[in-house]
Amino acid sequence: MKKLIVIFGILILSPFTVFASSINDINQKVCNRFEDDLSKLAAIMEEVRNRKGITETRVAFGGIDDSIKSADYSITYAAEAVAYQRYQKPASVSALKSGLGVLKNKVLKAKTDVGKAINEK
C-alpha cells in the first residue's frame, strides 16, 4: 500500500515539476550540461596534444584525416552548436526536443572522435 501511495504521489507531482520551469529555462540547463561535457573533452584533447608534442592544430579540407584534428573539429563544431542552441528561443516542446536532439548527436560525435584520438597508437 505504501508503494502505491509513493508511486501515485510521484505521478501526481512529476508533471508540475516538469512544467514549473519554462521551455527556455530547460533549454539553458541542457545547454549548460553540454557545455560542461565539451569543456571536459577540450581539456582531454589539450592533454592528448601535449603528450604527442602537437603545438597547433588546424581544420583544413582536402584529405587531412588525422584523429586529433578530427576531434578538435568536432569539439569546436559542437561548441558552436551549443552557443546557437542557447541563443534559440524554442516555441514549443517539440521544437526544444528537436534542437536538443541534434545538439546531443553533435556532442556524442565529439566524444567518439576524442575517444578515437585517445586510443590511437
C-alpha atoms as a PDB file:
ATOM      1  CA  MET A   1       0.000   0.000   0.000  1.00  0.00           C
ATOM      2  CA  LYS A   2       2.847   2.391   0.836  1.00  0.00           C
ATOM      3  CA  LYS A   3       4.466   1.710  -2.534  1.00  0.00           C
ATOM      4  CA  LEU A   4       1.208   2.534  -4.275  1.00  0.00           C
ATOM      5  CA  ILE A   5       0.917   5.830  -2.415  1.00  0.00           C
ATOM      6  CA  VAL A   6       4.511   6.754  -3.240  1.00  0.00           C
ATOM      7  CA  ILE A   7       4.063   5.872  -6.922  1.00  0.00           C
ATOM      8  CA  PHE A   8       0.777   7.769  -7.056  1.00  0.00           C
ATOM      9  CA  GLY A   9       2.428  10.778  -5.405  1.00  0.00           C
ATOM     10  CA  ILE A  10       5.272  10.735  -7.905  1.00  0.00           C
ATOM     11  CA  LEU A  11       2.866  10.504 -10.824  1.00  0.00           C
ATOM     12  CA  ILE A  12       0.782  13.363  -9.478  1.00  0.00           C
ATOM     13  CA  LEU A  13       3.711  15.686  -8.665  1.00  0.00           C
ATOM     14  CA  SER A  14       6.027  14.977 -11.609  1.00  0.00           C
ATOM     15  CA  PRO A  15       4.024  16.929 -14.236  1.00  0.00           C
ATOM     16  CA  PHE A  16       4.150  20.003 -12.006  1.00  0.00           C
ATOM     17  CA  THR A  17       7.923  19.839 -11.692  1.00  0.00           C
ATOM     18  CA  VAL A  18       8.309  19.436 -15.447  1.00  0.00           C
ATOM     19  CA  PHE A  19       6.125  22.440 -16.243  1.00  0.00           C
ATOM     20  CA  ALA A  20       7.386  24.564 -13.341  1.00  0.00           C
ATOM     21  CA  SER A  21      10.292  25.715 -15.499  1.00  0.00           C
ATOM     22  CA  SER A  22       9.785  27.434 -18.792  1.00  0.00           C
ATOM     23  CA  ILE A  23      10.988  25.921 -22.047  1.00  0.00           C
ATOM     24  CA  ASN A  24      13.785  28.492 -22.149  1.00  0.00           C
ATOM     25  CA  ASP A  25      14.966  27.506 -18.665  1.00  0.00           C
ATOM     26  CA  ILE A  26      15.079  23.854 -19.684  1.00  0.00           C
ATOM     27  CA  ASN A  27      16.983  24.786 -22.844  1.00  0.00           C
ATOM     28  CA  GLN A  28      19.544  26.744 -20.817  1.00  0.00           C
ATOM     29  CA  LYS A  29      20.022  23.914 -18.296  1.00  0.00           C
ATOM     30  CA  VAL A  30      20.629  21.335 -21.007  1.00  0.00           C
ATOM     31  CA  CYS A  31      22.984  23.702 -22.858  1.00  0.00           C
ATOM     32  CA  ASN A  32      24.926  24.228 -19.623  1.00  0.00           C
ATOM     33  CA  ARG A  33      25.280  20.454 -19.260  1.00  0.00           C
ATOM     34  CA  PHE A  34      26.533  20.093 -22.846  1.00  0.00           C
ATOM     35  CA  GLU A  35      28.986  22.971 -22.304  1.00  0.00           C
ATOM     36  CA  ASP A  36      30.361  21.155 -19.256  1.00  0.00           C
ATOM     37  CA  ASP A  37      30.809  17.995 -21.323  1.00  0.00           C
ATOM     38  CA  LEU A  38      32.585  19.912 -24.087  1.00  0.00           C
ATOM     39  CA  SER A  39      34.865  21.656 -21.587  1.00  0.00           C
ATOM     40  CA  LYS A  40      35.956  18.253 -20.292  1.00  0.00           C
ATOM     41  CA  LEU A  41      36.507  16.984 -23.842  1.00  0.00           C
ATOM     42  CA  ALA A  42      38.561  20.078 -24.693  1.00  0.00           C
ATOM     43  CA  ALA A  43      40.719  19.547 -21.590  1.00  0.00           C
ATOM     44  CA  ILE A  44      41.263  15.916 -22.553  1.00  0.00           C
ATOM     45  CA  MET A  45      42.261  16.921 -26.093  1.00  0.00           C
ATOM     46  CA  GLU A  46      44.686  19.508 -24.737  1.00  0.00           C
ATOM     47  CA  GLU A  47      46.349  16.763 -22.688  1.00  0.00           C
ATOM     48  CA  VAL A  48      46.469  14.436 -25.714  1.00  0.00           C
ATOM     49  CA  ARG A  49      48.070  17.190 -27.824  1.00  0.00           C
ATOM     50  CA  ASN A  50      50.636  17.876 -25.083  1.00  0.00           C
ATOM     51  CA  ARG A  51      51.556  14.193 -24.839  1.00  0.00           C
ATOM     52  CA  LYS A  52      52.036  13.882 -28.585  1.00  0.00           C
ATOM     53  CA  GLY A  53      54.008  17.119 -28.859  1.00  0.00           C
ATOM     54  CA  ILE A  54      51.470  18.848 -31.107  1.00  0.00           C
ATOM     55  CA  THR A  55      51.601  22.606 -30.639  1.00  0.00           C
ATOM     56  CA  GLU A  56      48.985  23.679 -33.163  1.00  0.00           C
ATOM     57  CA  THR A  57      46.014  22.125 -34.910  1.00  0.00           C
ATOM     58  CA  ARG A  58      44.117  23.483 -37.884  1.00  0.00           C
ATOM     59  CA  VAL A  59      40.966  22.398 -39.593  1.00  0.00           C
ATOM     60  CA  ALA A  60      41.502  22.026 -43.326  1.00  0.00           C
ATOM     61  CA  PHE A  61      39.823  20.455 -46.310  1.00  0.00           C
ATOM     62  CA  GLY A  62      41.430  18.099 -48.763  1.00  0.00           C
ATOM     63  CA  GLY A  63      42.353  14.704 -47.402  1.00  0.00           C
ATOM     64  CA  ILE A  64      43.561  15.502 -43.897  1.00  0.00           C
ATOM     65  CA  ASP A  65      42.117  12.790 -41.696  1.00  0.00           C
ATOM     66  CA  ASP A  66      44.153  12.924 -38.516  1.00  0.00           C
ATOM     67  CA  SER A  67      42.207  11.770 -35.458  1.00  0.00           C
ATOM     68  CA  ILE A  68      43.363  14.688 -33.310  1.00  0.00           C
ATOM     69  CA  LYS A  69      42.357  17.245 -35.915  1.00  0.00           C
ATOM     70  CA  SER A  70      39.038  15.481 -36.361  1.00  0.00           C
ATOM     71  CA  ALA A  71      38.393  15.546 -32.607  1.00  0.00           C
ATOM     72  CA  ASP A  72      39.339  19.226 -32.392  1.00  0.00           C
ATOM     73  CA  TYR A  73      36.956  19.999 -35.228  1.00  0.00           C
ATOM     74  CA  SER A  74      34.130  18.008 -33.610  1.00  0.00           C
ATOM     75  CA  ILE A  75      34.578  19.786 -30.281  1.00  0.00           C
ATOM     76  CA  THR A  76      34.554  23.186 -31.992  1.00  0.00           C
ATOM     77  CA  TYR A  77      31.515  22.249 -34.087  1.00  0.00           C
ATOM     78  CA  ALA A  78      29.603  21.020 -31.030  1.00  0.00           C
ATOM     79  CA  ALA A  79      30.557  24.134 -29.027  1.00  0.00           C
ATOM     80  CA  GLU A  80      29.225  26.349 -31.815  1.00  0.00           C
ATOM     81  CA  ALA A  81      26.025  24.279 -31.843  1.00  0.00           C
ATOM     82  CA  VAL A  82      25.635  24.747 -28.068  1.00  0.00           C
ATOM     83  CA  ALA A  83      26.064  28.511 -28.463  1.00  0.00           C
ATOM     84  CA  TYR A  84      23.469  28.572 -31.251  1.00  0.00           C
ATOM     85  CA  GLN A  85      21.004  26.430 -29.276  1.00  0.00           C
ATOM     86  CA  ARG A  86      21.456  28.648 -26.229  1.00  0.00           C
ATOM     87  CA  TYR A  87      20.522  31.663 -28.340  1.00  0.00           C
ATOM     88  CA  GLN A  88      17.372  29.980 -29.665  1.00  0.00           C
ATOM     89  CA  LYS A  89      14.011  30.601 -28.058  1.00  0.00           C
ATOM     90  CA  PRO A  90      12.105  27.358 -28.734  1.00  0.00           C
ATOM     91  CA  ALA A  91       8.425  27.938 -29.427  1.00  0.00           C
ATOM     92  CA  SER A  92       7.246  24.514 -28.306  1.00  0.00           C
ATOM     93  CA  VAL A  93       8.332  21.397 -26.502  1.00  0.00           C
ATOM     94  CA  SER A  94       8.692  19.544 -29.807  1.00  0.00           C
ATOM     95  CA  ALA A  95      10.976  22.291 -31.174  1.00  0.00           C
ATOM     96  CA  LEU A  96      13.039  22.107 -27.972  1.00  0.00           C
ATOM     97  CA  LYS A  97      13.335  18.315 -28.198  1.00  0.00           C
ATOM     98  CA  SER A  98      14.321  18.524 -31.846  1.00  0.00           C
ATOM     99  CA  GLY A  99      17.015  21.160 -31.259  1.00  0.00           C
ATOM    100  CA  LEU A 100      18.433  19.374 -28.234  1.00  0.00           C
ATOM    101  CA  GLY A 101      18.386  16.054 -30.081  1.00  0.00           C
ATOM    102  CA  VAL A 102      20.551  17.490 -32.851  1.00  0.00           C
ATOM    103  CA  LEU A 103      22.843  19.034 -30.253  1.00  0.00           C
ATOM    104  CA  LYS A 104      23.127  15.725 -28.376  1.00  0.00           C
ATOM    105  CA  ASN A 105      24.233  13.966 -31.555  1.00  0.00           C
ATOM    106  CA  LYS A 106      26.960  16.568 -32.162  1.00  0.00           C
ATOM    107  CA  VAL A 107      28.263  16.203 -28.599  1.00  0.00           C
ATOM    108  CA  LEU A 108      28.219  12.398 -28.902  1.00  0.00           C
ATOM    109  CA  LYS A 109      30.158  12.649 -32.185  1.00  0.00           C
ATOM    110  CA  ALA A 110      32.742  14.836 -30.421  1.00  0.00           C
ATOM    111  CA  LYS A 111      33.021  12.257 -27.612  1.00  0.00           C
ATOM    112  CA  THR A 112      33.528   9.481 -30.159  1.00  0.00           C
ATOM    113  CA  ASP A 113      36.223  11.433 -32.004  1.00  0.00           C
ATOM    114  CA  VAL A 114      38.029  12.243 -28.750  1.00  0.00           C
ATOM    115  CA  GLY A 115      37.883   8.560 -27.817  1.00  0.00           C
ATOM    116  CA  LYS A 116      39.481   7.647 -31.151  1.00  0.00           C
ATOM    117  CA  ALA A 117      42.228  10.233 -30.630  1.00  0.00           C
ATOM    118  CA  ILE A 118      42.977   8.890 -27.162  1.00  0.00           C
ATOM    119  CA  ASN A 119      43.065   5.267 -28.331  1.00  0.00           C
ATOM    120  CA  GLU A 120      45.225   5.971 -31.388  1.00  0.00           C
ATOM    121  CA  LYS A 121      48.587   4.257 -31.205  1.00  0.00           C
END
